[in-house]
Amino acid sequence: MRPTNISTRLALPSGLPRTRSTLLLRLLGSGRRFREAVADLAALPRDAWEKSVAVPLLLHFGLDQQEPTTDEEDDVSAAIRAWFEEYTQQLRDEGRNQGRAEEAARAVLTALRVRGIAVPDILRKRILLEKDPELLERWHERAIVAASIEDVLPDLS
């Protein structure tokens, strides 16, 4: 259940530096401080640990939907919402691609098992760790008609 309004905010000290080490604390602030913290969060690298912690919470509590009070804040809020939407779409896409790769790896191993082809543990791990769905698809096509593991993974066996 998603709360409709979060009214509790921290009164942060005015001297709190705008640094990465204070980012999560600043996200608990309000108004300009909150918007600056979100902008700083957006500027971090895609794989920053702070994003993995903060973004789900911000989305869950609807903090990406805060109501602006001025035209300037409206522009900032629109930019923040656009960033949240783009970031969450990236996360969905990454999850979808990871799922595709995992399923394709299982399909390769299933085809090899059905054909009665033994797969050494090291090659099984290599197949399961592969993240490129197109490469896995090619391996799957080979596995369907293969007589040996070398027919499927000639460069690895």
N, C-alpha and C. Protein backbone atom coordinates (compact mmCIF):
# COMPACT_ATOMS: atom_id res chain seq x y z
N MET A 1 0.84 -1.17 0.00
CA MET A 1 0.00 0.00 0.00
C MET A 1 0.89 1.23 0.00
N ARG A 2 0.65 2.15 -0.89
CA ARG A 2 1.46 3.34 -1.04
C ARG A 2 0.82 4.51 -0.29
N PRO A 3 1.56 5.11 0.67
CA PRO A 3 1.01 6.25 1.39
C PRO A 3 0.72 7.40 0.44
N THR A 4 -0.33 8.14 0.72
CA THR A 4 -0.68 9.26 -0.15
C THR A 4 0.04 10.53 0.22
N ASN A 5 0.52 10.63 1.46
CA ASN A 5 1.18 11.85 1.87
C ASN A 5 2.15 11.56 3.00
N ILE A 6 3.34 12.07 2.87
CA ILE A 6 4.32 11.97 3.94
C ILE A 6 4.52 13.38 4.46
N SER A 7 4.12 13.61 5.70
CA SER A 7 4.23 14.96 6.23
C SER A 7 5.38 15.11 7.20
N THR A 8 5.98 14.01 7.64
CA THR A 8 7.07 14.09 8.59
C THR A 8 8.38 14.32 7.84
N ARG A 9 9.04 15.38 8.18
CA ARG A 9 10.33 15.72 7.59
C ARG A 9 11.26 16.12 8.71
N LEU A 10 12.55 16.01 8.48
CA LEU A 10 13.52 16.43 9.48
C LEU A 10 13.90 17.89 9.26
N ALA A 11 14.09 18.58 10.35
CA ALA A 11 14.65 19.92 10.28
C ALA A 11 16.16 19.74 10.30
N LEU A 12 16.78 19.88 9.16
CA LEU A 12 18.21 19.64 9.04
C LEU A 12 18.98 20.91 9.38
N PRO A 13 20.15 20.75 9.99
CA PRO A 13 20.95 21.95 10.30
C PRO A 13 21.34 22.68 9.03
N SER A 14 21.36 24.01 9.10
CA SER A 14 21.65 24.81 7.90
C SER A 14 23.08 24.60 7.42
N GLY A 15 23.97 24.20 8.30
CA GLY A 15 25.37 24.02 7.91
C GLY A 15 25.69 22.64 7.37
N LEU A 16 24.70 21.79 7.17
CA LEU A 16 24.94 20.44 6.68
C LEU A 16 25.53 20.53 5.27
N PRO A 17 26.74 19.99 5.08
CA PRO A 17 27.37 20.14 3.76
C PRO A 17 26.65 19.33 2.69
N ARG A 18 26.71 19.82 1.48
CA ARG A 18 26.09 19.13 0.34
C ARG A 18 27.13 18.18 -0.24
N THR A 19 27.31 17.05 0.45
CA THR A 19 28.29 16.05 0.04
C THR A 19 27.61 14.71 -0.12
N ARG A 20 28.32 13.80 -0.75
CA ARG A 20 27.77 12.46 -0.94
C ARG A 20 27.56 11.76 0.40
N SER A 21 28.43 12.04 1.37
CA SER A 21 28.30 11.38 2.67
C SER A 21 27.06 11.83 3.45
N THR A 22 26.48 12.97 3.09
CA THR A 22 25.28 13.45 3.77
C THR A 22 24.02 13.26 2.94
N LEU A 23 24.15 12.64 1.78
CA LEU A 23 23.04 12.55 0.82
C LEU A 23 21.79 11.89 1.41
N LEU A 24 21.94 10.72 2.01
CA LEU A 24 20.75 10.02 2.51
C LEU A 24 20.07 10.81 3.61
N LEU A 25 20.84 11.49 4.44
CA LEU A 25 20.26 12.34 5.48
C LEU A 25 19.53 13.52 4.85
N ARG A 26 20.11 14.13 3.82
CA ARG A 26 19.48 15.28 3.17
C ARG A 26 18.19 14.90 2.45
N LEU A 27 18.07 13.63 2.05
CA LEU A 27 16.82 13.17 1.42
C LEU A 27 15.66 13.17 2.40
N LEU A 28 15.96 13.24 3.68
CA LEU A 28 14.92 13.31 4.70
C LEU A 28 14.46 14.74 4.95
N GLY A 29 15.13 15.69 4.34
CA GLY A 29 14.77 17.10 4.50
C GLY A 29 13.57 17.47 3.65
N SER A 30 13.30 18.74 3.56
CA SER A 30 12.16 19.20 2.78
C SER A 30 12.56 20.36 1.87
N GLY A 31 11.65 20.72 0.99
CA GLY A 31 11.82 21.89 0.14
C GLY A 31 13.09 21.83 -0.70
N ARG A 32 13.81 22.94 -0.68
CA ARG A 32 15.02 23.09 -1.49
C ARG A 32 16.05 22.01 -1.16
N ARG A 33 16.24 21.71 0.11
CA ARG A 33 17.23 20.69 0.51
C ARG A 33 16.89 19.33 -0.08
N PHE A 34 15.63 18.98 -0.02
CA PHE A 34 15.20 17.70 -0.58
C PHE A 34 15.46 17.67 -2.09
N ARG A 35 15.07 18.75 -2.78
CA ARG A 35 15.25 18.79 -4.24
C ARG A 35 16.73 18.74 -4.61
N GLU A 36 17.57 19.42 -3.85
CA GLU A 36 19.02 19.37 -4.10
C GLU A 36 19.54 17.95 -3.88
N ALA A 37 19.05 17.30 -2.83
CA ALA A 37 19.49 15.93 -2.55
C ALA A 37 19.08 14.98 -3.67
N VAL A 38 17.87 15.15 -4.17
CA VAL A 38 17.41 14.30 -5.28
C VAL A 38 18.24 14.58 -6.53
N ALA A 39 18.56 15.84 -6.77
CA ALA A 39 19.41 16.18 -7.92
C ALA A 39 20.79 15.54 -7.76
N ASP A 40 21.33 15.56 -6.54
CA ASP A 40 22.63 14.93 -6.28
C ASP A 40 22.54 13.42 -6.46
N LEU A 41 21.44 12.83 -6.03
CA LEU A 41 21.22 11.40 -6.21
C LEU A 41 21.17 11.05 -7.70
N ALA A 42 20.48 11.86 -8.45
CA ALA A 42 20.37 11.62 -9.90
C ALA A 42 21.72 11.72 -10.59
N ALA A 43 22.61 12.56 -10.06
CA ALA A 43 23.91 12.78 -10.70
C ALA A 43 24.91 11.66 -10.40
N LEU A 44 24.61 10.80 -9.44
CA LEU A 44 25.52 9.70 -9.10
C LEU A 44 25.57 8.68 -10.24
N PRO A 45 26.64 7.88 -10.29
CA PRO A 45 26.70 6.82 -11.31
C PRO A 45 25.52 5.86 -11.16
N ARG A 46 25.14 5.21 -12.25
CA ARG A 46 23.98 4.31 -12.25
C ARG A 46 24.07 3.22 -11.19
N ASP A 47 25.28 2.74 -10.92
CA ASP A 47 25.43 1.63 -9.98
C ASP A 47 25.76 2.09 -8.56
N ALA A 48 25.58 3.35 -8.25
CA ALA A 48 25.87 3.87 -6.92
C ALA A 48 25.00 3.17 -5.87
N TRP A 49 25.60 2.77 -4.78
CA TRP A 49 24.84 2.06 -3.74
C TRP A 49 23.74 2.93 -3.17
N GLU A 50 23.95 4.22 -3.14
CA GLU A 50 22.94 5.13 -2.60
C GLU A 50 21.64 5.03 -3.39
N LYS A 51 21.75 4.85 -4.71
CA LYS A 51 20.54 4.72 -5.54
C LYS A 51 19.78 3.45 -5.19
N SER A 52 20.51 2.36 -4.96
CA SER A 52 19.83 1.11 -4.65
C SER A 52 19.10 1.18 -3.32
N VAL A 53 19.56 2.06 -2.42
CA VAL A 53 18.91 2.23 -1.13
C VAL A 53 17.78 3.25 -1.22
N ALA A 54 18.07 4.40 -1.81
CA ALA A 54 17.14 5.54 -1.75
C ALA A 54 15.99 5.47 -2.75
N VAL A 55 16.25 5.08 -3.97
CA VAL A 55 15.22 5.15 -5.00
C VAL A 55 13.99 4.31 -4.67
N PRO A 56 14.16 3.05 -4.24
CA PRO A 56 12.93 2.29 -3.90
C PRO A 56 12.13 2.95 -2.78
N LEU A 57 12.81 3.53 -1.80
CA LEU A 57 12.09 4.19 -0.70
C LEU A 57 11.39 5.45 -1.18
N LEU A 58 12.06 6.23 -2.00
CA LEU A 58 11.45 7.46 -2.52
C LEU A 58 10.21 7.13 -3.35
N LEU A 59 10.30 6.08 -4.15
CA LEU A 59 9.16 5.69 -4.96
C LEU A 59 8.04 5.12 -4.10
N HIS A 60 8.39 4.29 -3.14
CA HIS A 60 7.38 3.69 -2.28
C HIS A 60 6.58 4.74 -1.51
N PHE A 61 7.27 5.73 -0.99
CA PHE A 61 6.60 6.74 -0.19
C PHE A 61 6.07 7.91 -1.02
N GLY A 62 6.21 7.80 -2.34
CA GLY A 62 5.65 8.83 -3.21
C GLY A 62 6.38 10.15 -3.14
N LEU A 63 7.62 10.12 -2.72
CA LEU A 63 8.36 11.38 -2.58
C LEU A 63 8.77 11.95 -3.94
N ASP A 64 8.68 11.15 -4.97
CA ASP A 64 8.94 11.67 -6.31
C ASP A 64 7.74 12.46 -6.83
N GLN A 65 6.64 12.46 -6.08
CA GLN A 65 5.41 13.14 -6.51
C GLN A 65 5.08 14.35 -5.63
N GLN A 66 6.08 14.88 -4.94
CA GLN A 66 5.82 16.02 -4.06
C GLN A 66 5.21 17.18 -4.84
N GLU A 67 4.29 17.88 -4.19
CA GLU A 67 3.64 19.02 -4.83
C GLU A 67 4.52 20.26 -4.75
N PRO A 68 4.81 20.90 -5.87
CA PRO A 68 5.60 22.13 -5.87
C PRO A 68 4.77 23.30 -5.37
N THR A 69 5.47 24.32 -4.88
CA THR A 69 4.76 25.50 -4.40
C THR A 69 5.02 26.72 -5.27
N THR A 70 6.01 26.69 -6.13
CA THR A 70 6.28 27.81 -7.04
C THR A 70 6.52 27.27 -8.43
N ASP A 71 6.54 28.18 -9.43
CA ASP A 71 6.81 27.75 -10.80
C ASP A 71 8.19 27.13 -10.92
N GLU A 72 9.17 27.71 -10.22
CA GLU A 72 10.53 27.18 -10.26
C GLU A 72 10.55 25.76 -9.69
N GLU A 73 9.85 25.56 -8.57
CA GLU A 73 9.78 24.24 -7.97
C GLU A 73 9.03 23.28 -8.87
N ASP A 74 8.05 23.79 -9.62
CA ASP A 74 7.31 22.95 -10.56
C ASP A 74 8.27 22.40 -11.62
N ASP A 75 9.16 23.25 -12.14
CA ASP A 75 10.15 22.80 -13.13
C ASP A 75 11.08 21.75 -12.53
N VAL A 76 11.53 21.99 -11.30
CA VAL A 76 12.42 21.04 -10.63
C VAL A 76 11.68 19.73 -10.38
N SER A 77 10.44 19.81 -9.91
CA SER A 77 9.66 18.60 -9.64
C SER A 77 9.44 17.80 -10.92
N ALA A 78 9.18 18.49 -12.02
CA ALA A 78 8.98 17.80 -13.30
C ALA A 78 10.28 17.10 -13.71
N ALA A 79 11.41 17.76 -13.49
CA ALA A 79 12.69 17.15 -13.84
C ALA A 79 12.97 15.94 -12.95
N ILE A 80 12.63 16.05 -11.68
CA ILE A 80 12.82 14.93 -10.75
C ILE A 80 11.95 13.76 -11.16
N ARG A 81 10.69 14.02 -11.48
CA ARG A 81 9.78 12.94 -11.90
C ARG A 81 10.28 12.28 -13.17
N ALA A 82 10.77 13.09 -14.11
CA ALA A 82 11.29 12.53 -15.36
C ALA A 82 12.49 11.63 -15.07
N TRP A 83 13.38 12.09 -14.17
CA TRP A 83 14.53 11.27 -13.83
C TRP A 83 14.10 9.97 -13.17
N PHE A 84 13.16 10.02 -12.22
CA PHE A 84 12.66 8.81 -11.57
C PHE A 84 12.09 7.84 -12.60
N GLU A 85 11.29 8.36 -13.52
CA GLU A 85 10.69 7.49 -14.53
C GLU A 85 11.76 6.83 -15.39
N GLU A 86 12.76 7.62 -15.81
CA GLU A 86 13.83 7.07 -16.63
C GLU A 86 14.63 6.03 -15.85
N TYR A 87 14.95 6.34 -14.61
CA TYR A 87 15.74 5.42 -13.79
C TYR A 87 14.98 4.12 -13.53
N THR A 88 13.72 4.21 -13.18
CA THR A 88 12.95 2.98 -12.92
C THR A 88 12.77 2.17 -14.20
N GLN A 89 12.66 2.83 -15.34
CA GLN A 89 12.58 2.10 -16.61
C GLN A 89 13.90 1.37 -16.88
N GLN A 90 15.03 2.02 -16.58
CA GLN A 90 16.33 1.36 -16.74
C GLN A 90 16.42 0.12 -15.86
N LEU A 91 15.96 0.25 -14.61
CA LEU A 91 15.99 -0.90 -13.70
C LEU A 91 15.12 -2.03 -14.23
N ARG A 92 13.93 -1.69 -14.75
CA ARG A 92 13.05 -2.72 -15.33
C ARG A 92 13.72 -3.39 -16.51
N ASP A 93 14.33 -2.59 -17.39
CA ASP A 93 15.00 -3.14 -18.57
C ASP A 93 16.14 -4.06 -18.18
N GLU A 94 16.94 -3.63 -17.19
CA GLU A 94 18.05 -4.47 -16.73
C GLU A 94 17.53 -5.78 -16.15
N GLY A 95 16.47 -5.71 -15.37
CA GLY A 95 15.88 -6.92 -14.80
C GLY A 95 15.34 -7.85 -15.88
N ARG A 96 14.70 -7.26 -16.87
CA ARG A 96 14.16 -8.05 -17.98
C ARG A 96 15.29 -8.74 -18.75
N ASN A 97 16.37 -8.00 -19.02
CA ASN A 97 17.51 -8.58 -19.75
C ASN A 97 18.19 -9.67 -18.93
N GLN A 98 18.30 -9.45 -17.63
CA GLN A 98 18.89 -10.47 -16.77
C GLN A 98 18.03 -11.73 -16.78
N GLY A 99 16.73 -11.54 -16.71
CA GLY A 99 15.82 -12.69 -16.76
C GLY A 99 15.92 -13.44 -18.08
N ARG A 100 16.01 -12.69 -19.17
CA ARG A 100 16.16 -13.32 -20.49
C ARG A 100 17.44 -14.15 -20.55
N ALA A 101 18.53 -13.59 -20.03
CA ALA A 101 19.81 -14.30 -20.06
C ALA A 101 19.75 -15.56 -19.21
N GLU A 102 19.16 -15.47 -18.02
CA GLU A 102 19.06 -16.65 -17.16
C GLU A 102 18.22 -17.75 -17.82
N GLU A 103 17.12 -17.36 -18.43
CA GLU A 103 16.26 -18.34 -19.10
C GLU A 103 16.96 -18.96 -20.30
N ALA A 104 17.68 -18.14 -21.06
CA ALA A 104 18.40 -18.65 -22.22
C ALA A 104 19.50 -19.62 -21.80
N ALA A 105 20.19 -19.33 -20.70
CA ALA A 105 21.23 -20.24 -20.21
C ALA A 105 20.61 -21.58 -19.80
N ARG A 106 19.47 -21.53 -19.13
CA ARG A 106 18.80 -22.78 -18.76
C ARG A 106 18.37 -23.55 -20.02
N ALA A 107 17.95 -22.85 -21.05
CA ALA A 107 17.54 -23.51 -22.29
C ALA A 107 18.72 -24.22 -22.95
N VAL A 108 19.89 -23.59 -22.92
CA VAL A 108 21.10 -24.22 -23.47
C VAL A 108 21.39 -25.52 -22.72
N LEU A 109 21.37 -25.43 -21.39
CA LEU A 109 21.66 -26.62 -20.58
C LEU A 109 20.60 -27.70 -20.75
N THR A 110 19.36 -27.30 -20.90
CA THR A 110 18.28 -28.27 -21.13
C THR A 110 18.47 -28.99 -22.46
N ALA A 111 18.79 -28.25 -23.50
CA ALA A 111 19.00 -28.86 -24.81
C ALA A 111 20.16 -29.84 -24.77
N LEU A 112 21.23 -29.46 -24.07
CA LEU A 112 22.38 -30.36 -23.96
C LEU A 112 22.01 -31.62 -23.17
N ARG A 113 21.25 -31.46 -22.09
CA ARG A 113 20.84 -32.60 -21.28
C ARG A 113 19.96 -33.56 -22.11
N VAL A 114 19.01 -33.00 -22.85
CA VAL A 114 18.11 -33.81 -23.66
C VAL A 114 18.89 -34.57 -24.74
N ARG A 115 19.92 -33.96 -25.27
CA ARG A 115 20.74 -34.60 -26.30
C ARG A 115 21.73 -35.59 -25.70
N GLY A 116 21.78 -35.65 -24.37
CA GLY A 116 22.67 -36.61 -23.71
C GLY A 116 24.12 -36.16 -23.70
N ILE A 117 24.35 -34.86 -23.80
CA ILE A 117 25.71 -34.32 -23.84
C ILE A 117 26.10 -33.88 -22.43
N ALA A 118 27.18 -34.45 -21.94
CA ALA A 118 27.69 -34.10 -20.61
C ALA A 118 28.31 -32.70 -20.66
N VAL A 119 28.03 -31.92 -19.62
CA VAL A 119 28.57 -30.56 -19.52
C VAL A 119 29.44 -30.49 -18.27
N PRO A 120 30.75 -30.31 -18.44
CA PRO A 120 31.62 -30.17 -17.27
C PRO A 120 31.18 -28.98 -16.41
N ASP A 121 31.43 -29.09 -15.11
CA ASP A 121 31.00 -28.04 -14.18
C ASP A 121 31.51 -26.66 -14.58
N ILE A 122 32.73 -26.58 -15.04
CA ILE A 122 33.29 -25.27 -15.38
C ILE A 122 32.54 -24.64 -16.57
N LEU A 123 32.14 -25.47 -17.54
CA LEU A 123 31.38 -24.95 -18.68
C LEU A 123 29.93 -24.66 -18.28
N ARG A 124 29.37 -25.45 -17.37
CA ARG A 124 28.03 -25.18 -16.85
C ARG A 124 28.01 -23.80 -16.18
N LYS A 125 29.00 -23.55 -15.35
CA LYS A 125 29.10 -22.24 -14.68
C LYS A 125 29.26 -21.12 -15.70
N ARG A 126 30.09 -21.37 -16.71
CA ARG A 126 30.32 -20.34 -17.75
C ARG A 126 29.02 -20.02 -18.48
N ILE A 127 28.25 -21.03 -18.80
CA ILE A 127 26.96 -20.83 -19.48
C ILE A 127 26.02 -20.03 -18.58
N LEU A 128 25.94 -20.42 -17.32
CA LEU A 128 25.02 -19.74 -16.39
C LEU A 128 25.44 -18.31 -16.09
N LEU A 129 26.71 -18.01 -16.21
CA LEU A 129 27.19 -16.64 -15.94
C LEU A 129 27.10 -15.71 -17.15
N GLU A 130 26.87 -16.29 -18.32
CA GLU A 130 26.78 -15.46 -19.55
C GLU A 130 25.58 -14.53 -19.47
N LYS A 131 25.78 -13.27 -19.80
CA LYS A 131 24.71 -12.26 -19.71
C LYS A 131 24.22 -11.79 -21.08
N ASP A 132 24.87 -12.21 -22.14
CA ASP A 132 24.50 -11.76 -23.49
C ASP A 132 23.43 -12.68 -24.07
N PRO A 133 22.18 -12.22 -24.13
CA PRO A 133 21.10 -13.08 -24.63
C PRO A 133 21.32 -13.55 -26.07
N GLU A 134 21.91 -12.72 -26.91
CA GLU A 134 22.13 -13.14 -28.31
C GLU A 134 23.13 -14.28 -28.40
N LEU A 135 24.21 -14.20 -27.61
CA LEU A 135 25.21 -15.28 -27.61
C LEU A 135 24.57 -16.56 -27.06
N LEU A 136 23.80 -16.43 -26.01
CA LEU A 136 23.12 -17.60 -25.46
C LEU A 136 22.14 -18.20 -26.45
N GLU A 137 21.49 -17.37 -27.23
CA GLU A 137 20.57 -17.88 -28.26
C GLU A 137 21.32 -18.69 -29.31
N ARG A 138 22.50 -18.18 -29.70
CA ARG A 138 23.32 -18.93 -30.68
C ARG A 138 23.76 -20.27 -30.09
N TRP A 139 24.17 -20.27 -28.82
CA TRP A 139 24.55 -21.51 -28.16
C TRP A 139 23.37 -22.47 -28.10
N HIS A 140 22.20 -21.94 -27.84
CA HIS A 140 21.00 -22.78 -27.77
C HIS A 140 20.73 -23.42 -29.13
N GLU A 141 20.81 -22.64 -30.19
CA GLU A 141 20.59 -23.18 -31.54
C GLU A 141 21.58 -24.30 -31.83
N ARG A 142 22.85 -24.11 -31.46
CA ARG A 142 23.86 -25.14 -31.67
C ARG A 142 23.57 -26.38 -30.82
N ALA A 143 23.14 -26.13 -29.56
CA ALA A 143 22.90 -27.24 -28.64
C ALA A 143 21.79 -28.16 -29.14
N ILE A 144 20.82 -27.61 -29.85
CA ILE A 144 19.69 -28.40 -30.34
C ILE A 144 20.14 -29.47 -31.33
N VAL A 145 21.20 -29.18 -32.09
CA VAL A 145 21.67 -30.13 -33.11
C VAL A 145 23.06 -30.69 -32.83
N ALA A 146 23.63 -30.35 -31.68
CA ALA A 146 25.01 -30.71 -31.37
C ALA A 146 25.18 -32.20 -31.11
N ALA A 147 26.39 -32.68 -31.43
CA ALA A 147 26.76 -34.06 -31.10
C ALA A 147 27.69 -34.07 -29.89
N SER A 148 28.30 -32.90 -29.59
CA SER A 148 29.21 -32.81 -28.45
C SER A 148 29.21 -31.38 -27.93
N ILE A 149 29.78 -31.21 -26.75
CA ILE A 149 29.87 -29.87 -26.17
C ILE A 149 30.75 -28.96 -27.03
N GLU A 150 31.71 -29.54 -27.73
CA GLU A 150 32.59 -28.76 -28.59
C GLU A 150 31.81 -28.12 -29.76
N ASP A 151 30.71 -28.76 -30.18
CA ASP A 151 29.88 -28.20 -31.24
C ASP A 151 29.15 -26.93 -30.77
N VAL A 152 28.92 -26.85 -29.48
CA VAL A 152 28.18 -25.73 -28.92
C VAL A 152 29.12 -24.61 -28.51
N LEU A 153 30.19 -24.97 -27.82
CA LEU A 153 31.13 -24.00 -27.27
C LEU A 153 32.54 -24.29 -27.78
N PRO A 154 32.78 -24.11 -29.08
CA PRO A 154 34.08 -24.50 -29.63
C PRO A 154 35.25 -23.71 -29.02
N ASP A 155 35.02 -22.48 -28.64
CA ASP A 155 36.12 -21.67 -28.10
C ASP A 155 36.38 -21.92 -26.62
N LEU A 156 35.45 -22.54 -25.93
CA LEU A 156 35.56 -22.72 -24.48
C LEU A 156 35.90 -24.13 -24.07
N SER A 157 35.63 -25.11 -24.93
CA SER A 157 35.83 -26.50 -24.50
C SER A 157 37.24 -26.98 -24.74
